[in-house]
Amino acid sequence: MITVIADIRTRPGQHHRQAVLDAFAGIIPTVLQEAGCHGYTPLVDNNAGVEFQTCVPDAITMLEHWESIEHLQAHIATPHMQAWSAEVKEHVLETRIRILEVAVNNG
């Protein structure tokens, strides 16, 4: 099992981030049906009002769980992901993807 964190920085302005979130809403049910997908969740900052928090208003963090790298690669190549990328490209400035594995087995 791998965990993917995709940090997506959108153009400044709430409407850009919302357009990307709306596009995610349209594909999430399809992605969750893909082989090897164990979770696919877009996250935004919760402005909790605590001094130790950093907020990035023009950002979305995707939290994904995949059975394997091969499943992730198949996901990226799907027609719905290609269409999603084309739909949001005018709203997204940068995407950084991290692929993580469990470092300490806790049980």
C-alpha atoms as a PDB file:
ATOM      1  CA  MET A   1       0.000   0.000   0.000  1.00  0.00           C
ATOM      2  CA  ILE A   2       1.249   3.471  -0.856  1.00  0.00           C
ATOM      3  CA  THR A   3       0.031   6.886   0.186  1.00  0.00           C
ATOM      4  CA  VAL A   4       0.149   9.710  -2.317  1.00  0.00           C
ATOM      5  CA  ILE A   5       0.066  13.354  -1.344  1.00  0.00           C
ATOM      6  CA  ALA A   6      -0.457  15.707  -4.252  1.00  0.00           C
ATOM      7  CA  ASP A   7       0.057  19.337  -3.295  1.00  0.00           C
ATOM      8  CA  ILE A   8      -1.823  21.416  -5.846  1.00  0.00           C
ATOM      9  CA  ARG A   9      -1.239  25.154  -5.908  1.00  0.00           C
ATOM     10  CA  THR A  10      -3.964  27.034  -7.743  1.00  0.00           C
ATOM     11  CA  ARG A  11      -3.904  30.520  -9.211  1.00  0.00           C
ATOM     12  CA  PRO A  12      -4.773  33.183  -6.633  1.00  0.00           C
ATOM     13  CA  GLY A  13      -8.479  33.664  -6.059  1.00  0.00           C
ATOM     14  CA  GLN A  14     -11.133  31.463  -4.524  1.00  0.00           C
ATOM     15  CA  HIS A  15     -12.791  30.789  -7.897  1.00  0.00           C
ATOM     16  CA  HIS A  16      -9.658  28.990  -9.170  1.00  0.00           C
ATOM     17  CA  ARG A  17      -9.476  26.664  -6.185  1.00  0.00           C
ATOM     18  CA  GLN A  18     -13.229  26.071  -6.345  1.00  0.00           C
ATOM     19  CA  ALA A  19     -13.037  25.163 -10.037  1.00  0.00           C
ATOM     20  CA  VAL A  20     -10.449  22.482  -9.250  1.00  0.00           C
ATOM     21  CA  LEU A  21     -12.524  21.173  -6.330  1.00  0.00           C
ATOM     22  CA  ASP A  22     -15.618  21.045  -8.561  1.00  0.00           C
ATOM     23  CA  ALA A  23     -13.649  19.063 -11.138  1.00  0.00           C
ATOM     24  CA  PHE A  24     -12.536  16.638  -8.403  1.00  0.00           C
ATOM     25  CA  ALA A  25     -16.144  16.229  -7.257  1.00  0.00           C
ATOM     26  CA  GLY A  26     -17.007  15.081 -10.760  1.00  0.00           C
ATOM     27  CA  ILE A  27     -14.395  12.309 -10.892  1.00  0.00           C
ATOM     28  CA  ILE A  28     -14.174  11.045  -7.305  1.00  0.00           C
ATOM     29  CA  PRO A  29     -16.885   8.368  -7.693  1.00  0.00           C
ATOM     30  CA  THR A  30     -15.130   7.028 -10.805  1.00  0.00           C
ATOM     31  CA  VAL A  31     -11.682   7.064  -9.189  1.00  0.00           C
ATOM     32  CA  LEU A  32     -12.956   5.205  -6.125  1.00  0.00           C
ATOM     33  CA  GLN A  33     -14.117   2.425  -8.480  1.00  0.00           C
ATOM     34  CA  GLU A  34     -10.625   1.993  -9.969  1.00  0.00           C
ATOM     35  CA  ALA A  35      -8.692  -1.184  -9.209  1.00  0.00           C
ATOM     36  CA  GLY A  36      -6.296  -0.634  -6.327  1.00  0.00           C
ATOM     37  CA  CYS A  37      -7.831   2.611  -5.066  1.00  0.00           C
ATOM     38  CA  HIS A  38      -8.314   2.641  -1.286  1.00  0.00           C
ATOM     39  CA  GLY A  39      -8.983   6.356  -0.844  1.00  0.00           C
ATOM     40  CA  TYR A  40      -9.066   9.601  -2.813  1.00  0.00           C
ATOM     41  CA  THR A  41      -9.760  12.742  -0.794  1.00  0.00           C
ATOM     42  CA  PRO A  42      -9.213  16.425  -1.611  1.00  0.00           C
ATOM     43  CA  LEU A  43      -8.364  18.499   1.463  1.00  0.00           C
ATOM     44  CA  VAL A  44      -8.176  22.251   2.091  1.00  0.00           C
ATOM     45  CA  ASP A  45      -6.931  24.166   5.098  1.00  0.00           C
ATOM     46  CA  ASN A  46      -9.258  24.427   8.059  1.00  0.00           C
ATOM     47  CA  ASN A  47      -8.654  27.939   9.322  1.00  0.00           C
ATOM     48  CA  ALA A  48      -8.635  26.900  12.968  1.00  0.00           C
ATOM     49  CA  GLY A  49      -7.358  30.265  14.175  1.00  0.00           C
ATOM     50  CA  VAL A  50      -4.438  28.832  16.133  1.00  0.00           C
ATOM     51  CA  GLU A  51      -1.079  30.578  16.065  1.00  0.00           C
ATOM     52  CA  PHE A  52       0.926  27.497  15.070  1.00  0.00           C
ATOM     53  CA  GLN A  53      -1.060  26.822  11.904  1.00  0.00           C
ATOM     54  CA  THR A  54       0.049  27.736   8.401  1.00  0.00           C
ATOM     55  CA  CYS A  55      -2.811  28.339   5.965  1.00  0.00           C
ATOM     56  CA  VAL A  56      -2.460  28.347   2.211  1.00  0.00           C
ATOM     57  CA  PRO A  57      -5.709  29.636   0.700  1.00  0.00           C
ATOM     58  CA  ASP A  58      -4.756  28.776  -2.885  1.00  0.00           C
ATOM     59  CA  ALA A  59      -3.922  25.137  -2.264  1.00  0.00           C
ATOM     60  CA  ILE A  60      -5.522  21.708  -2.333  1.00  0.00           C
ATOM     61  CA  THR A  61      -3.911  18.624  -0.845  1.00  0.00           C
ATOM     62  CA  MET A  62      -5.002  15.324  -2.350  1.00  0.00           C
ATOM     63  CA  LEU A  63      -4.659  12.366  -0.015  1.00  0.00           C
ATOM     64  CA  GLU A  64      -4.686   9.117  -1.955  1.00  0.00           C
ATOM     65  CA  HIS A  65      -4.175   5.478  -1.011  1.00  0.00           C
ATOM     66  CA  TRP A  66      -3.236   2.972  -3.715  1.00  0.00           C
ATOM     67  CA  GLU A  67      -2.470  -0.716  -3.628  1.00  0.00           C
ATOM     68  CA  SER A  68       0.726  -0.236  -5.678  1.00  0.00           C
ATOM     69  CA  ILE A  69       2.725   2.070  -7.938  1.00  0.00           C
ATOM     70  CA  GLU A  70       1.277   0.185 -10.896  1.00  0.00           C
ATOM     71  CA  HIS A  71      -2.258   1.044  -9.770  1.00  0.00           C
ATOM     72  CA  LEU A  72      -1.260   4.701  -9.393  1.00  0.00           C
ATOM     73  CA  GLN A  73       0.294   4.753 -12.864  1.00  0.00           C
ATOM     74  CA  ALA A  74      -2.842   3.165 -14.345  1.00  0.00           C
ATOM     75  CA  HIS A  75      -4.934   5.831 -12.575  1.00  0.00           C
ATOM     76  CA  ILE A  76      -2.898   8.679 -14.030  1.00  0.00           C
ATOM     77  CA  ALA A  77      -3.324   7.223 -17.534  1.00  0.00           C
ATOM     78  CA  THR A  78      -7.131   6.894 -17.382  1.00  0.00           C
ATOM     79  CA  PRO A  79      -9.247   8.975 -19.757  1.00  0.00           C
ATOM     80  CA  HIS A  80     -11.049  10.655 -16.842  1.00  0.00           C
ATOM     81  CA  MET A  81      -7.741  11.821 -15.326  1.00  0.00           C
ATOM     82  CA  GLN A  82      -6.546  13.089 -18.697  1.00  0.00           C
ATOM     83  CA  ALA A  83      -9.839  14.988 -19.081  1.00  0.00           C
ATOM     84  CA  TRP A  84      -9.562  16.309 -15.509  1.00  0.00           C
ATOM     85  CA  SER A  85      -6.035  17.611 -16.182  1.00  0.00           C
ATOM     86  CA  ALA A  86      -7.204  19.419 -19.316  1.00  0.00           C
ATOM     87  CA  GLU A  87     -10.211  20.871 -17.466  1.00  0.00           C
ATOM     88  CA  VAL A  88      -8.174  22.368 -14.607  1.00  0.00           C
ATOM     89  CA  LYS A  89      -4.945  23.359 -16.346  1.00  0.00           C
ATOM     90  CA  GLU A  90      -5.909  27.047 -16.504  1.00  0.00           C
ATOM     91  CA  HIS A  91      -6.534  27.063 -12.746  1.00  0.00           C
ATOM     92  CA  VAL A  92      -3.441  25.157 -11.530  1.00  0.00           C
ATOM     93  CA  LEU A  93      -0.005  26.732 -11.179  1.00  0.00           C
ATOM     94  CA  GLU A  94       1.918  23.764  -9.810  1.00  0.00           C
ATOM     95  CA  THR A  95       1.489  20.214  -8.583  1.00  0.00           C
ATOM     96  CA  ARG A  96       3.970  18.322  -6.450  1.00  0.00           C
ATOM     97  CA  ILE A  97       3.417  14.634  -5.878  1.00  0.00           C
ATOM     98  CA  ARG A  98       4.894  12.628  -3.026  1.00  0.00           C
ATOM     99  CA  ILE A  99       4.667   8.854  -2.860  1.00  0.00           C
ATOM    100  CA  LEU A 100       4.975   7.574   0.684  1.00  0.00           C
ATOM    101  CA  GLU A 101       5.219   4.239   2.417  1.00  0.00           C
ATOM    102  CA  VAL A 102       4.833   3.264   6.049  1.00  0.00           C
ATOM    103  CA  ALA A 103       8.110   3.882   7.874  1.00  0.00           C
ATOM    104  CA  VAL A 104       7.334   2.210  11.197  1.00  0.00           C
ATOM    105  CA  ASN A 105       5.021  -0.764  11.567  1.00  0.00           C
ATOM    106  CA  ASN A 106       2.828   0.004  14.582  1.00  0.00           C
ATOM    107  CA  GLY A 107       1.000  -3.212  14.881  1.00  0.00           C
END
